[in-house]
Amino acid sequence: MKIEPAMPGQMEMNDSKYPEELCIEIESDQLAKLGISVMPKIGTVMMITAKAVVKSNEETELMMGKETCIELQITDMEISKVEQNNNFSSVLYGPQ
């Protein structure tokens, strides 16, 4: 999901490497429901498992081509800390 600049050097140092629209903000009530009572340190890698329903879809014709978008409503979610020595395939799919 990393943003690739159209031209090398185009992204400034303060720019995020990932789209802001893909951020999830979780507030106190939801943190409690997820069982998160101790705030994780900034930079901690977390695994998100979620179920979502498509809330809307949209296709727009622009001069430079078609832009498509879907909005997802998360209905169920689980969050856990990823241990540094795990590889992501074993976290996602279990031991092979």
N, C-alpha and C. Protein backbone atom coordinates (compact mmCIF):
# COMPACT_ATOMS: atom_id res chain seq x y z
N MET A 1 0.82 -1.19 0.00
CA MET A 1 0.00 0.00 0.00
C MET A 1 0.87 1.26 0.00
N LYS A 2 2.17 1.09 -0.05
CA LYS A 2 3.10 2.20 -0.02
C LYS A 2 2.90 3.07 -1.26
N ILE A 3 3.00 4.39 -1.07
CA ILE A 3 2.86 5.34 -2.16
C ILE A 3 4.18 5.42 -2.90
N GLU A 4 4.12 5.26 -4.21
CA GLU A 4 5.31 5.42 -5.04
C GLU A 4 5.21 6.77 -5.75
N PRO A 5 6.20 7.67 -5.56
CA PRO A 5 6.14 8.97 -6.23
C PRO A 5 6.21 8.82 -7.74
N ALA A 6 5.53 9.71 -8.45
CA ALA A 6 5.52 9.67 -9.92
C ALA A 6 6.92 9.91 -10.47
N MET A 7 7.69 10.78 -9.79
CA MET A 7 9.06 11.06 -10.20
C MET A 7 9.97 10.91 -8.98
N PRO A 8 11.18 10.35 -9.16
CA PRO A 8 12.10 10.21 -8.03
C PRO A 8 12.35 11.56 -7.36
N GLY A 9 12.37 11.56 -6.02
CA GLY A 9 12.62 12.79 -5.28
C GLY A 9 11.41 13.67 -5.13
N GLN A 10 10.26 13.27 -5.66
CA GLN A 10 9.06 14.10 -5.62
C GLN A 10 8.50 14.21 -4.21
N MET A 11 8.56 13.12 -3.42
CA MET A 11 8.02 13.12 -2.08
C MET A 11 8.97 13.87 -1.14
N GLU A 12 8.44 14.77 -0.34
CA GLU A 12 9.28 15.50 0.59
C GLU A 12 9.53 14.68 1.84
N MET A 13 10.50 15.07 2.65
CA MET A 13 10.89 14.32 3.83
C MET A 13 9.74 14.16 4.82
N ASN A 14 8.85 15.14 4.97
CA ASN A 14 7.77 15.09 5.94
C ASN A 14 6.54 14.32 5.44
N ASP A 15 6.50 13.99 4.16
CA ASP A 15 5.35 13.29 3.59
C ASP A 15 5.30 11.85 4.09
N SER A 16 4.09 11.36 4.31
CA SER A 16 3.90 9.98 4.69
C SER A 16 4.15 9.08 3.49
N LYS A 17 4.63 7.87 3.74
CA LYS A 17 4.85 6.91 2.66
C LYS A 17 3.60 6.10 2.39
N TYR A 18 2.55 6.30 3.20
CA TYR A 18 1.32 5.54 3.06
C TYR A 18 0.13 6.49 3.02
N PRO A 19 -0.95 6.14 2.29
CA PRO A 19 -2.12 7.02 2.18
C PRO A 19 -2.81 7.23 3.52
N GLU A 20 -3.12 8.48 3.83
CA GLU A 20 -3.82 8.82 5.08
C GLU A 20 -5.18 8.14 5.16
N GLU A 21 -5.80 7.93 4.01
CA GLU A 21 -7.14 7.33 3.99
C GLU A 21 -7.16 5.89 4.49
N LEU A 22 -6.01 5.24 4.55
CA LEU A 22 -5.96 3.86 5.01
C LEU A 22 -5.72 3.75 6.52
N CYS A 23 -5.67 4.87 7.23
CA CYS A 23 -5.49 4.85 8.68
C CYS A 23 -6.80 4.49 9.37
N ILE A 24 -6.69 3.79 10.49
CA ILE A 24 -7.85 3.46 11.32
C ILE A 24 -7.63 4.10 12.67
N GLU A 25 -8.58 4.91 13.12
CA GLU A 25 -8.49 5.54 14.44
C GLU A 25 -9.40 4.77 15.38
N ILE A 26 -8.83 4.29 16.48
CA ILE A 26 -9.59 3.48 17.44
C ILE A 26 -9.63 4.23 18.76
N GLU A 27 -10.84 4.54 19.23
CA GLU A 27 -11.00 5.34 20.45
C GLU A 27 -11.26 4.45 21.66
N SER A 28 -11.38 5.07 22.82
CA SER A 28 -11.44 4.38 24.11
C SER A 28 -12.43 3.22 24.16
N ASP A 29 -13.67 3.45 23.73
CA ASP A 29 -14.69 2.39 23.79
C ASP A 29 -14.28 1.17 22.96
N GLN A 30 -13.77 1.43 21.74
CA GLN A 30 -13.36 0.33 20.87
C GLN A 30 -12.09 -0.34 21.41
N LEU A 31 -11.16 0.44 21.97
CA LEU A 31 -9.96 -0.15 22.57
C LEU A 31 -10.34 -1.12 23.68
N ALA A 32 -11.30 -0.73 24.49
CA ALA A 32 -11.77 -1.60 25.58
C ALA A 32 -12.37 -2.89 25.02
N LYS A 33 -13.20 -2.77 23.97
CA LYS A 33 -13.81 -3.95 23.36
C LYS A 33 -12.77 -4.88 22.75
N LEU A 34 -11.65 -4.30 22.29
CA LEU A 34 -10.58 -5.09 21.70
C LEU A 34 -9.62 -5.63 22.76
N GLY A 35 -9.84 -5.25 24.02
CA GLY A 35 -8.99 -5.75 25.10
C GLY A 35 -7.65 -5.06 25.20
N ILE A 36 -7.54 -3.86 24.63
CA ILE A 36 -6.28 -3.11 24.69
C ILE A 36 -6.37 -2.12 25.84
N SER A 37 -5.68 -2.43 26.95
CA SER A 37 -5.73 -1.57 28.13
C SER A 37 -4.44 -0.79 28.32
N VAL A 38 -3.34 -1.25 27.71
CA VAL A 38 -2.06 -0.56 27.77
C VAL A 38 -1.74 -0.06 26.37
N MET A 39 -1.51 1.24 26.26
CA MET A 39 -1.24 1.81 24.94
C MET A 39 0.08 1.28 24.40
N PRO A 40 0.07 0.77 23.16
CA PRO A 40 1.32 0.29 22.56
C PRO A 40 2.23 1.48 22.22
N LYS A 41 3.53 1.23 22.22
CA LYS A 41 4.48 2.29 21.86
C LYS A 41 4.31 2.63 20.38
N ILE A 42 4.55 3.88 20.04
CA ILE A 42 4.52 4.31 18.64
C ILE A 42 5.58 3.52 17.88
N GLY A 43 5.21 2.98 16.75
CA GLY A 43 6.11 2.16 15.95
C GLY A 43 5.92 0.67 16.16
N THR A 44 5.11 0.28 17.17
CA THR A 44 4.82 -1.13 17.40
C THR A 44 4.06 -1.68 16.19
N VAL A 45 4.45 -2.85 15.72
CA VAL A 45 3.77 -3.48 14.59
C VAL A 45 2.61 -4.31 15.13
N MET A 46 1.40 -4.07 14.60
CA MET A 46 0.20 -4.75 15.05
C MET A 46 -0.40 -5.52 13.87
N MET A 47 -1.01 -6.66 14.18
CA MET A 47 -1.72 -7.45 13.17
C MET A 47 -3.21 -7.17 13.33
N ILE A 48 -3.87 -6.83 12.23
CA ILE A 48 -5.31 -6.57 12.23
C ILE A 48 -6.00 -7.67 11.43
N THR A 49 -6.97 -8.30 12.04
CA THR A 49 -7.84 -9.25 11.35
C THR A 49 -9.23 -8.65 11.42
N ALA A 50 -9.86 -8.45 10.27
CA ALA A 50 -11.15 -7.76 10.28
C ALA A 50 -12.10 -8.34 9.24
N LYS A 51 -13.38 -8.18 9.52
CA LYS A 51 -14.45 -8.50 8.57
C LYS A 51 -15.13 -7.18 8.25
N ALA A 52 -15.39 -6.93 6.98
CA ALA A 52 -16.01 -5.68 6.57
C ALA A 52 -17.09 -5.93 5.53
N VAL A 53 -18.03 -5.00 5.46
CA VAL A 53 -19.10 -5.04 4.47
C VAL A 53 -18.91 -3.84 3.55
N VAL A 54 -19.07 -4.06 2.24
CA VAL A 54 -18.97 -2.96 1.30
C VAL A 54 -20.15 -2.02 1.53
N LYS A 55 -19.85 -0.80 1.89
CA LYS A 55 -20.87 0.20 2.19
C LYS A 55 -21.25 0.99 0.94
N SER A 56 -20.27 1.26 0.08
CA SER A 56 -20.56 1.96 -1.18
C SER A 56 -19.45 1.64 -2.18
N ASN A 57 -19.79 1.81 -3.46
CA ASN A 57 -18.78 1.70 -4.51
C ASN A 57 -19.04 2.81 -5.52
N GLU A 58 -17.98 3.25 -6.15
CA GLU A 58 -18.11 4.40 -7.04
C GLU A 58 -17.09 4.31 -8.17
N GLU A 59 -17.52 4.64 -9.36
CA GLU A 59 -16.63 4.78 -10.51
C GLU A 59 -16.87 6.15 -11.11
N THR A 60 -15.80 6.89 -11.30
CA THR A 60 -15.89 8.24 -11.85
C THR A 60 -14.99 8.35 -13.06
N GLU A 61 -15.53 8.85 -14.16
CA GLU A 61 -14.73 9.08 -15.35
C GLU A 61 -14.03 10.43 -15.22
N LEU A 62 -12.71 10.43 -15.34
CA LEU A 62 -11.93 11.65 -15.30
C LEU A 62 -11.22 11.82 -16.64
N MET A 63 -10.67 12.99 -16.87
CA MET A 63 -9.95 13.24 -18.13
C MET A 63 -8.78 12.28 -18.29
N MET A 64 -8.14 11.91 -17.17
CA MET A 64 -6.96 11.06 -17.24
C MET A 64 -7.29 9.58 -17.04
N GLY A 65 -8.56 9.22 -17.04
CA GLY A 65 -8.94 7.83 -16.87
C GLY A 65 -10.03 7.66 -15.82
N LYS A 66 -10.28 6.42 -15.48
CA LYS A 66 -11.34 6.10 -14.54
C LYS A 66 -10.77 6.01 -13.12
N GLU A 67 -11.49 6.56 -12.15
CA GLU A 67 -11.15 6.46 -10.74
C GLU A 67 -12.21 5.60 -10.07
N THR A 68 -11.78 4.57 -9.36
CA THR A 68 -12.73 3.71 -8.66
C THR A 68 -12.47 3.76 -7.16
N CYS A 69 -13.52 3.52 -6.37
CA CYS A 69 -13.41 3.62 -4.92
C CYS A 69 -14.48 2.74 -4.28
N ILE A 70 -14.10 2.08 -3.18
CA ILE A 70 -15.10 1.39 -2.37
C ILE A 70 -14.94 1.86 -0.92
N GLU A 71 -16.03 1.90 -0.19
CA GLU A 71 -16.01 2.22 1.23
C GLU A 71 -16.39 0.95 1.99
N LEU A 72 -15.56 0.58 2.96
CA LEU A 72 -15.80 -0.62 3.75
C LEU A 72 -16.20 -0.25 5.16
N GLN A 73 -17.24 -0.89 5.67
CA GLN A 73 -17.65 -0.73 7.07
C GLN A 73 -17.12 -1.95 7.81
N ILE A 74 -16.18 -1.73 8.74
CA ILE A 74 -15.64 -2.83 9.53
C ILE A 74 -16.71 -3.24 10.54
N THR A 75 -17.04 -4.54 10.56
CA THR A 75 -18.06 -5.03 11.47
C THR A 75 -17.48 -5.87 12.60
N ASP A 76 -16.35 -6.53 12.37
CA ASP A 76 -15.68 -7.35 13.37
C ASP A 76 -14.18 -7.14 13.20
N MET A 77 -13.45 -7.05 14.34
CA MET A 77 -12.02 -6.81 14.24
C MET A 77 -11.29 -7.40 15.43
N GLU A 78 -10.09 -7.86 15.19
CA GLU A 78 -9.20 -8.34 16.24
C GLU A 78 -7.82 -7.73 15.97
N ILE A 79 -7.14 -7.31 17.02
CA ILE A 79 -5.81 -6.72 16.89
C ILE A 79 -4.87 -7.43 17.84
N SER A 80 -3.68 -7.75 17.38
CA SER A 80 -2.67 -8.34 18.24
C SER A 80 -1.30 -7.80 17.86
N LYS A 81 -0.40 -7.83 18.82
CA LYS A 81 0.97 -7.39 18.58
C LYS A 81 1.69 -8.47 17.79
N VAL A 82 2.49 -8.07 16.82
CA VAL A 82 3.27 -9.01 16.03
C VAL A 82 4.64 -9.14 16.67
N GLU A 83 5.02 -10.36 17.01
CA GLU A 83 6.35 -10.59 17.56
C GLU A 83 7.38 -10.38 16.46
N GLN A 84 8.50 -9.78 16.81
CA GLN A 84 9.53 -9.45 15.82
C GLN A 84 10.09 -10.67 15.11
N ASN A 85 10.14 -11.84 15.77
CA ASN A 85 10.74 -13.01 15.14
C ASN A 85 9.76 -13.81 14.29
N ASN A 86 8.48 -13.45 14.28
CA ASN A 86 7.50 -14.13 13.42
C ASN A 86 7.63 -13.63 12.00
N ASN A 87 7.39 -14.50 11.03
CA ASN A 87 7.27 -13.98 9.68
C ASN A 87 5.78 -13.84 9.38
N PHE A 88 5.43 -12.94 8.50
CA PHE A 88 4.03 -12.60 8.29
C PHE A 88 3.22 -13.76 7.74
N SER A 89 3.82 -14.65 6.94
CA SER A 89 3.02 -15.76 6.39
C SER A 89 2.57 -16.69 7.50
N SER A 90 3.41 -16.92 8.52
CA SER A 90 2.97 -17.80 9.61
C SER A 90 1.93 -17.12 10.47
N VAL A 91 1.99 -15.80 10.60
CA VAL A 91 0.97 -15.07 11.35
C VAL A 91 -0.36 -15.12 10.61
N LEU A 92 -0.33 -14.92 9.29
CA LEU A 92 -1.55 -14.92 8.49
C LEU A 92 -2.13 -16.31 8.28
N TYR A 93 -1.28 -17.29 8.00
CA TYR A 93 -1.76 -18.60 7.56
C TYR A 93 -1.44 -19.74 8.53
N GLY A 94 -0.79 -19.44 9.65
CA GLY A 94 -0.41 -20.48 10.62
C GLY A 94 0.86 -21.18 10.19
N PRO A 95 1.35 -22.05 11.07
CA PRO A 95 2.59 -22.78 10.74
C PRO A 95 2.39 -23.67 9.52
N GLN A 96 3.37 -23.72 8.67
CA GLN A 96 3.29 -24.52 7.44
C GLN A 96 3.91 -25.88 7.65
